[in-house]
Protein backbone atom coordinates (compact mmCIF):
# COMPACT_ATOMS: atom_id res chain seq x y z
CA UNK A 1 103.32 107.36 101.74
CA UNK A 2 100.52 109.19 99.94
CA UNK A 3 101.37 112.11 97.68
CA UNK A 4 99.09 114.48 95.76
CA UNK A 5 99.49 114.47 91.99
CA UNK A 6 100.65 117.66 90.21
CA UNK A 7 97.38 117.61 88.23
CA UNK A 8 95.32 117.86 91.45
CA UNK A 9 97.58 120.56 92.91
CA UNK A 10 97.34 122.64 89.72
CA UNK A 11 93.58 122.12 89.45
CA UNK A 12 92.88 123.32 92.97
CA UNK A 13 95.21 126.30 92.64
CA UNK A 14 93.51 127.35 89.39
CA UNK A 15 89.94 127.05 90.66
CA UNK A 16 90.77 128.72 93.99
CA UNK A 17 91.28 131.91 91.92
CA UNK A 18 93.95 133.32 94.18
CA UNK A 19 94.91 136.90 93.22
CA UNK A 20 98.18 136.35 91.39
CA UNK A 21 98.90 140.10 91.32
CA UNK A 22 99.56 140.07 95.05
CA UNK A 23 102.87 139.01 96.57
CA UNK A 24 103.25 135.31 97.58
CA UNK A 25 103.26 136.34 101.23
CA UNK A 26 99.98 138.27 100.86
CA UNK A 27 98.42 135.32 99.04
CA UNK A 28 99.53 132.99 101.83
CA UNK A 29 98.13 135.30 104.49
CA UNK A 30 94.82 135.52 102.64
CA UNK A 31 94.48 131.74 102.36
CA UNK A 32 95.54 131.30 105.98
CA UNK A 33 92.87 133.77 107.09
CA UNK A 34 90.23 131.79 105.20
CA UNK A 35 91.44 128.50 106.68
CA UNK A 36 91.40 129.97 110.18
CA UNK A 37 87.80 131.19 109.78
CA UNK A 38 86.71 127.86 108.33
CA UNK A 39 88.30 126.00 111.23
CA UNK A 40 86.25 128.03 113.68
CA UNK A 41 83.07 127.35 111.72
CA UNK A 42 83.75 123.60 111.45
CA UNK A 43 84.70 123.10 115.09
CA UNK A 44 82.08 125.39 116.64
CA UNK A 45 79.14 124.27 114.55
CA UNK A 46 78.70 127.59 112.81
CA UNK A 47 77.93 126.19 109.36
CA UNK A 48 74.16 126.39 109.63
CA UNK A 49 74.00 127.65 106.06
CA UNK A 50 75.50 124.42 104.74
CA UNK A 51 78.08 125.07 102.04
CA UNK A 52 77.36 128.82 101.81
CA UNK A 53 81.01 129.42 102.68
CA UNK A 54 81.84 128.43 99.07
CA UNK A 55 80.22 131.69 97.96
CA UNK A 56 82.71 133.73 100.00
CA UNK A 57 85.90 134.15 97.88
CA UNK A 58 88.17 134.10 100.93
CA UNK A 59 86.61 131.00 102.47
CA UNK A 60 86.32 129.32 99.09
CA UNK A 61 90.05 129.77 98.43
CA UNK A 62 90.88 128.47 101.90
CA UNK A 63 88.66 125.43 101.48
CA UNK A 64 90.04 124.49 98.05
CA UNK A 65 93.64 125.14 99.02
CA UNK A 66 93.62 123.37 102.39
CA UNK A 67 90.64 121.16 103.17
CA UNK A 68 90.02 119.61 99.73
CA UNK A 69 93.60 118.25 99.38
CA UNK A 70 93.36 116.69 102.83
CA UNK A 71 89.95 115.06 102.29
CA UNK A 72 90.80 114.02 98.74
CA UNK A 73 93.91 112.24 100.01
CA UNK A 74 91.83 110.24 102.49
CA UNK A 75 89.65 108.95 99.65
CA UNK A 76 92.69 107.98 97.61
CA UNK A 77 94.26 106.12 100.54
CA UNK A 78 91.12 104.02 100.82
CA UNK A 79 91.02 103.46 97.06
CA UNK A 80 94.50 102.00 97.47
CA UNK A 81 93.04 99.60 100.04
CA UNK A 82 90.29 98.62 97.62
CA UNK A 83 92.59 98.11 94.64
CA UNK A 84 92.98 94.33 95.26
CA UNK A 85 89.24 93.82 94.60
CA UNK A 86 89.08 96.06 91.52
CA UNK A 87 89.25 94.06 88.27
CA UNK A 88 92.58 94.33 86.44
CA UNK A 89 90.80 94.49 83.09
CA UNK A 90 87.44 96.21 82.79
CA UNK A 91 85.43 96.61 79.63
CA UNK A 92 82.23 97.82 81.31
CA UNK A 93 81.52 101.16 82.93
CA UNK A 94 82.83 101.78 86.45
CA UNK A 95 79.98 103.61 88.14
CA UNK A 96 80.75 105.84 91.13
CA UNK A 97 78.39 107.86 93.34
CA UNK A 98 79.79 110.69 95.48
CA UNK A 99 76.95 111.34 97.94
CA UNK A 100 76.85 114.70 99.69
CA UNK A 101 80.03 115.35 97.76
CA UNK A 102 80.14 119.13 98.22
CA UNK A 103 82.52 120.43 95.53
CA UNK A 104 83.20 116.86 94.44
CA UNK A 105 86.19 116.03 96.61
CA UNK A 106 85.57 112.31 96.32
CA UNK A 107 84.80 112.62 92.61
CA UNK A 108 88.02 114.47 91.81
CA UNK A 109 90.02 112.11 94.03
CA UNK A 110 88.61 109.07 92.23
CA UNK A 111 89.18 110.55 88.76
CA UNK A 112 92.79 111.36 89.61
CA UNK A 113 93.33 107.94 91.21
CA UNK A 114 92.04 106.20 88.08
CA UNK A 115 94.47 108.24 85.99
CA UNK A 116 97.40 107.24 88.20
CA UNK A 117 96.54 103.54 88.44
CA UNK A 118 94.46 102.81 85.31
CA UNK A 119 92.52 100.34 87.48
CA UNK A 120 89.84 100.94 86.42
CA UNK A 121 90.53 102.93 83.28
CA UNK A 122 89.52 106.61 83.51
CA UNK A 123 87.59 106.17 80.27
CA UNK A 124 85.27 103.67 81.97
CA UNK A 125 84.47 106.02 84.87
CA UNK A 126 80.87 107.24 85.16
CA UNK A 127 80.63 109.70 88.04
CA UNK A 128 77.51 111.06 89.76
CA UNK A 129 77.71 113.70 92.50
CA UNK A 130 74.74 114.52 94.73
CA UNK A 131 74.62 117.54 97.03
CA UNK A 132 71.99 119.96 98.34
CA UNK A 133 74.02 123.01 97.26
CA UNK A 134 73.88 124.25 93.67
CA UNK A 135 76.99 126.36 94.36
CA UNK A 136 78.93 123.29 95.44
CA UNK A 137 77.85 121.35 92.36
CA UNK A 138 78.88 124.21 90.05
CA UNK A 139 82.28 124.20 91.72
CA UNK A 140 82.42 120.42 91.31
CA UNK A 141 81.86 120.74 87.56
CA UNK A 142 84.51 123.46 87.34
CA UNK A 143 87.06 121.25 89.12
CA UNK A 144 86.17 118.34 86.83
CA UNK A 145 86.81 120.35 83.67
CA UNK A 146 89.89 122.14 85.02
CA UNK A 147 91.44 118.79 85.87
CA UNK A 148 91.16 117.84 82.18
CA UNK A 149 93.20 120.94 81.25
CA UNK A 150 95.74 120.13 83.97
CA UNK A 151 96.10 116.72 82.29
CA UNK A 152 96.97 118.38 79.00
CA UNK A 153 93.42 118.56 77.69
CA UNK A 154 92.82 114.83 77.91
CA UNK A 155 89.24 113.77 77.30
CA UNK A 156 87.59 112.93 80.58
CA UNK A 157 84.36 111.01 81.17
CA UNK A 158 81.09 112.91 81.66
CA UNK A 159 80.02 114.12 85.08
CA UNK A 160 76.42 114.03 86.32
CA UNK A 161 75.43 116.35 89.18
CA UNK A 162 72.15 116.17 91.12
CA UNK A 163 70.92 118.82 93.55
CA UNK A 164 68.93 117.17 96.33
CA UNK A 165 68.28 117.29 100.08
CA UNK A 166 69.42 113.90 101.39
CA UNK A 167 67.48 114.21 104.64
CA UNK A 168 64.31 113.73 102.65
CA UNK A 169 65.26 110.68 100.59
CA UNK A 170 67.62 109.51 97.91
CA UNK A 171 66.92 111.12 94.53
CA UNK A 172 64.65 109.00 92.37
CA UNK A 173 67.26 109.09 89.61
CA UNK A 174 69.77 107.46 91.97
CA UNK A 175 67.35 104.70 92.89
CA UNK A 176 66.40 104.13 89.27
CA UNK A 177 69.99 104.05 88.08
CA UNK A 178 70.92 101.76 90.96
CA UNK A 179 68.29 99.20 90.02
CA UNK A 180 69.07 99.34 86.33
CA UNK A 181 72.86 99.39 86.57
CA UNK A 182 74.26 99.40 90.07
CA UNK A 183 77.14 101.45 91.42
CA UNK A 184 80.60 99.91 91.83
CA UNK A 185 81.65 102.47 94.43
CA UNK A 186 79.67 104.81 96.67
CA UNK A 187 81.60 107.48 98.61
CA UNK A 188 80.01 109.15 101.65
CA UNK A 189 82.52 111.54 103.21
CA UNK A 190 81.92 113.88 106.15
CA UNK A 191 78.17 113.56 105.65
CA UNK A 192 76.55 111.02 107.99
CA UNK A 193 77.29 112.94 111.19
CA UNK A 194 75.69 116.05 109.65
CA UNK A 195 72.40 114.33 108.76
CA UNK A 196 69.29 114.03 110.97
CA UNK A 197 70.91 115.93 113.84
CA UNK A 198 67.52 117.06 115.17
CA UNK A 199 66.06 113.57 115.04
CA UNK A 200 65.21 111.53 118.14
CA UNK A 201 67.10 108.60 116.60
CA UNK A 202 69.67 109.90 114.08
CA UNK A 203 71.66 106.64 114.04
CA UNK A 204 68.66 104.64 112.82
CA UNK A 205 67.93 107.17 110.08
CA UNK A 206 71.54 107.20 108.96
CA UNK A 207 71.53 103.41 108.97
CA UNK A 208 68.40 103.38 106.81
CA UNK A 209 70.13 105.69 104.33
CA UNK A 210 73.13 103.37 104.05
CA UNK A 211 70.80 100.37 103.68
CA UNK A 212 69.27 102.10 100.66
CA UNK A 213 72.74 102.79 99.26
CA UNK A 214 73.58 99.10 99.61
CA UNK A 215 70.53 98.31 97.51
CA UNK A 216 72.02 100.52 94.78
CA UNK A 217 75.39 98.77 95.01
CA UNK A 218 76.63 96.15 92.57
CA UNK A 219 77.28 92.63 93.87
CA UNK A 220 81.03 93.36 93.92
CA UNK A 221 80.80 97.03 94.86
CA UNK A 222 81.90 98.97 97.94
CA UNK A 223 80.38 101.67 100.15
CA UNK A 224 83.07 103.94 101.62
CA UNK A 225 81.98 105.82 104.76
CA UNK A 226 84.42 108.45 106.04
CA UNK A 227 83.96 110.69 109.07
CA UNK A 228 86.14 113.17 111.00
CA UNK A 229 88.41 111.70 113.66
CA UNK A 230 86.24 113.13 116.44
CA UNK A 231 84.80 111.03 119.23
CA UNK A 232 81.14 111.89 118.62
CA UNK A 233 81.28 111.45 114.83
CA UNK A 234 83.38 108.29 115.07
CA UNK A 235 81.17 106.62 117.66
CA UNK A 236 78.08 107.45 115.59
CA UNK A 237 79.76 105.75 112.63
CA UNK A 238 80.56 102.69 114.78
CA UNK A 239 76.88 102.54 115.77
CA UNK A 240 75.73 102.65 112.14
CA UNK A 241 78.22 99.88 111.36
CA UNK A 242 76.83 97.67 114.12
CA UNK A 243 73.21 98.18 113.07
CA UNK A 244 74.02 97.29 109.47
CA UNK A 245 75.84 94.13 110.51
CA UNK A 246 73.04 93.03 112.82
CA UNK A 247 70.66 93.35 109.88
CA UNK A 248 73.10 91.33 107.76
CA UNK A 249 72.96 93.93 104.99
CA UNK A 250 76.72 93.71 104.39
CA UNK A 251 80.11 92.76 105.79
CA UNK A 252 83.15 94.86 106.63
CA UNK A 253 85.99 94.98 104.11
CA UNK A 254 88.15 97.25 106.26
CA UNK A 255 89.35 98.42 108.75
CA UNK A 256 87.73 95.86 111.06
CA UNK A 257 89.01 92.28 111.19
CA UNK A 258 85.61 90.95 112.24
CA UNK A 259 81.88 91.58 111.94
CA UNK A 260 81.23 91.36 115.68
CA UNK A 261 79.92 94.40 117.61
CA UNK A 262 82.44 97.26 117.72
CA UNK A 263 84.56 96.96 120.90
CA UNK A 264 85.11 100.74 120.92
CA UNK A 265 81.47 101.22 121.94
CA UNK A 266 81.81 99.25 125.18
CA UNK A 267 83.29 102.22 127.05
CA UNK A 268 81.78 105.69 126.50
CA UNK A 269 85.17 107.39 126.09
CA UNK A 270 86.55 105.03 123.42
CA UNK A 271 86.50 105.52 119.67
CA UNK A 272 88.49 104.25 116.71
CA UNK A 273 90.24 106.46 114.15
CA UNK A 274 93.06 106.44 111.62
CA UNK A 275 96.30 108.39 111.52
CA UNK A 276 97.92 107.80 108.13
CA UNK A 277 101.20 109.23 106.87
CA UNK A 278 101.28 111.45 103.82
CA UNK A 279 103.71 113.70 102.03
CA UNK A 280 102.42 117.05 103.14
CA UNK A 281 102.23 119.53 100.22
CA UNK A 282 104.41 122.60 100.62
CA UNK A 283 101.37 124.89 100.34
CA UNK A 284 99.63 123.17 103.27
CA UNK A 285 102.82 123.20 105.35
CA UNK A 286 103.04 126.96 104.76
CA UNK A 287 99.45 127.47 105.91
CA UNK A 288 100.09 125.32 108.97
CA UNK A 289 103.03 127.51 109.96
CA UNK A 290 100.96 130.65 109.42
CA UNK A 291 97.89 129.45 111.35
CA UNK A 292 99.54 127.18 113.90
CA UNK A 293 98.00 123.90 112.67
CA UNK A 294 99.73 120.55 112.16
CA UNK A 295 98.65 118.39 109.21
CA UNK A 296 101.61 115.99 109.28
CA UNK A 297 99.18 113.03 109.23
CA UNK A 298 95.72 112.30 107.83
CA UNK A 299 93.25 111.65 110.65
CA UNK A 300 89.79 110.20 110.05
CA UNK A 301 87.40 107.38 110.90
CA UNK A 302 86.05 105.05 108.23
CA UNK A 303 84.47 101.77 107.31
CA UNK A 304 84.26 100.12 103.88
CA UNK A 305 81.26 97.82 103.40
CA UNK A 306 80.66 95.12 100.79
CA UNK A 307 78.04 92.50 100.02
CA UNK A 308 80.31 89.74 98.69
CA UNK A 309 82.23 88.99 101.89
CA UNK A 310 85.60 90.20 100.54
CA UNK A 311 88.01 91.49 103.20
CA UNK A 312 91.26 93.45 103.15
CA UNK A 313 93.04 90.53 104.81
CA UNK A 314 91.70 87.00 105.37
CA UNK A 315 89.69 86.52 108.54
CA UNK A 316 92.11 85.00 111.05
CA UNK A 317 91.68 84.70 114.81
CA UNK A 318 95.44 85.31 115.18
CA UNK A 319 95.25 88.72 113.49
CA UNK A 320 94.82 91.92 115.51
CA UNK A 321 94.56 95.57 114.54
CA UNK A 322 96.57 98.24 116.36
CA UNK A 323 94.19 101.01 117.44
CA UNK A 324 96.57 103.28 119.33
CA UNK A 325 100.01 104.75 118.92
CA UNK A 326 102.95 102.75 120.29
CA UNK A 327 103.29 104.20 123.79
CA UNK A 328 106.82 104.36 125.15
CA UNK A 329 106.75 103.98 128.93
CA UNK A 330 109.38 103.47 131.60
CA UNK A 331 110.90 100.06 130.94
CA UNK A 332 108.35 98.96 128.31
CA UNK A 333 106.18 99.81 125.32
CA UNK A 334 102.42 99.24 124.99
CA UNK A 335 99.61 99.33 122.41
CA UNK A 336 95.88 98.77 122.32
CA UNK A 337 94.63 96.14 119.90
CA UNK A 338 91.20 95.38 118.41
CA UNK A 339 89.89 91.93 117.52
CA UNK A 340 86.71 89.92 117.88
CA UNK A 341 87.43 89.45 121.62
CA UNK A 342 87.53 93.19 122.36
CA UNK A 343 90.26 95.81 122.83
CA UNK A 344 93.11 94.14 124.73
CA UNK A 345 96.20 96.06 125.81
CA UNK A 346 99.55 94.37 125.35
CA UNK A 347 103.12 95.41 125.95
CA UNK A 348 106.69 94.26 125.85
CA UNK A 349 109.15 95.05 128.58
CA UNK A 350 112.51 96.30 127.37
CA UNK A 351 114.29 93.46 129.14
CA UNK A 352 112.20 90.93 127.14
CA UNK A 353 113.19 92.34 123.74
CA UNK A 354 114.52 89.65 121.40
CA UNK A 355 115.10 89.06 117.70
CA UNK A 356 111.72 87.33 117.37
CA UNK A 357 109.69 90.12 118.97
CA UNK A 358 111.77 93.12 117.77
CA UNK A 359 109.16 94.04 115.07
CA UNK A 360 106.94 95.17 117.96
CA UNK A 361 109.01 98.39 117.94
CA UNK A 362 107.54 99.23 114.51
CA UNK A 363 103.87 98.64 115.37
CA UNK A 364 101.70 101.66 114.61
CA UNK A 365 98.06 102.74 114.56
CA UNK A 366 96.11 100.90 111.86
CA UNK A 367 98.65 98.12 111.32
CA UNK A 368 97.38 94.52 111.19
CA UNK A 369 99.62 92.37 113.34
CA UNK A 370 100.16 88.87 114.64
CA UNK A 371 101.73 88.02 118.00
CA UNK A 372 102.46 84.90 120.03
CA UNK A 373 103.26 83.99 123.62
CA UNK A 374 101.46 86.74 125.48
CA UNK A 375 101.72 86.34 129.24
CA UNK A 376 98.49 87.48 130.91
CA UNK A 377 99.32 86.75 134.53
CA UNK A 378 101.42 88.59 137.09
CA UNK A 379 104.22 87.08 139.16
CA UNK A 380 101.69 85.67 141.62
CA UNK A 381 99.67 83.99 138.90
CA UNK A 382 96.79 86.46 139.00
CA UNK A 383 95.17 87.81 135.79
CA UNK A 384 97.04 90.91 134.61
CA UNK A 385 95.45 94.00 133.13
CA UNK A 386 98.13 94.12 130.42
CA UNK A 387 99.29 91.11 128.42
CA UNK A 388 103.05 91.07 127.83
CA UNK A 389 105.07 89.50 125.05
CA UNK A 390 107.66 87.04 126.31
CA UNK A 391 111.24 87.07 125.05
CA UNK A 392 110.50 83.81 123.26
CA UNK A 393 107.38 85.25 121.66
CA UNK A 394 107.00 86.66 118.16
CA UNK A 395 105.64 89.97 116.90
CA UNK A 396 104.84 90.47 113.22
CA UNK A 397 103.30 93.16 111.01
CA UNK A 398 100.94 91.37 108.61
CA UNK A 399 99.96 94.58 106.82
CA UNK A 400 101.14 98.11 107.63
CA UNK A 401 98.65 100.99 107.57
């Protein structure tokens, strides 16, 4: 279960500049008010001024105290997934690009993750953050330096910030650096769905942007695309994924178990998203109680792309990914799966529970599973809408989410 480090918690609290002269309850109410206003802006599309909310002390404190920890944790969860392909010993620089990084959420998350894992070493980290907002980049630099103090004044690697409008093009410095010495990791969080909104074909323009990023990626590097767990944003991400795979620019490392067209796009109401467990910080739990939110899980959509064919788990036709919660129904339990054949629904009737298929009870969204002896016919021998695991069948979790 993911947990924020004390260094990150202290860094965000320091930079949020909460008025310490006020009572804890007044401070909580102030942060909660900022979070509530931000939520309205994010969900109702009121952020036409981009990251101007960072200039408002109330909204800035709410964003740093609530939204940054959540989004930072998502990045670190995916870094955990990528750890198997990071070299155990690295003497060269580990180059990271946080594109559209706002106040550097991905940058700070990566720096902290390197400190906690030492894979790669923090000293090898070379971070570049690009955003259109000078205010966001100043805040990014402040977080970067404050984190060093939270770590006891440890020397941290340099940070490069670039102010640029990404709807025009990638900065020339990014292209030049990419050709000379490519990036090992490129993070694009909560950005794609905000780009080219007025375009007649936003998906193609977003795809072209990612294609350019792949050109700036090292042979063993990764592009991490993260979007909100909303249907429109998630489906747009699925569409970008499919276009990239058709063009054979890359392959999927995770979460997909195949490079076939996304099955979630077959039906207009489907989409794929994550729901990962985390140890909710006390400060966020307090805000939730004050505002009426629930952040007991991290919800987002994502895809990690690579050019070397590496995958989170080996490609195996017997592997499936759970893309729904385990639904408890009268007399049985069911889940939706995703694999190269589509999105099949399977279940297990309570009367068919056995030692071999008991692990089905622990299946959860995002888990990679293997199952055998699925009966796909009804009592009259006709094709059934739901495949069911027989009592003699097996159910296994290959890799939990």
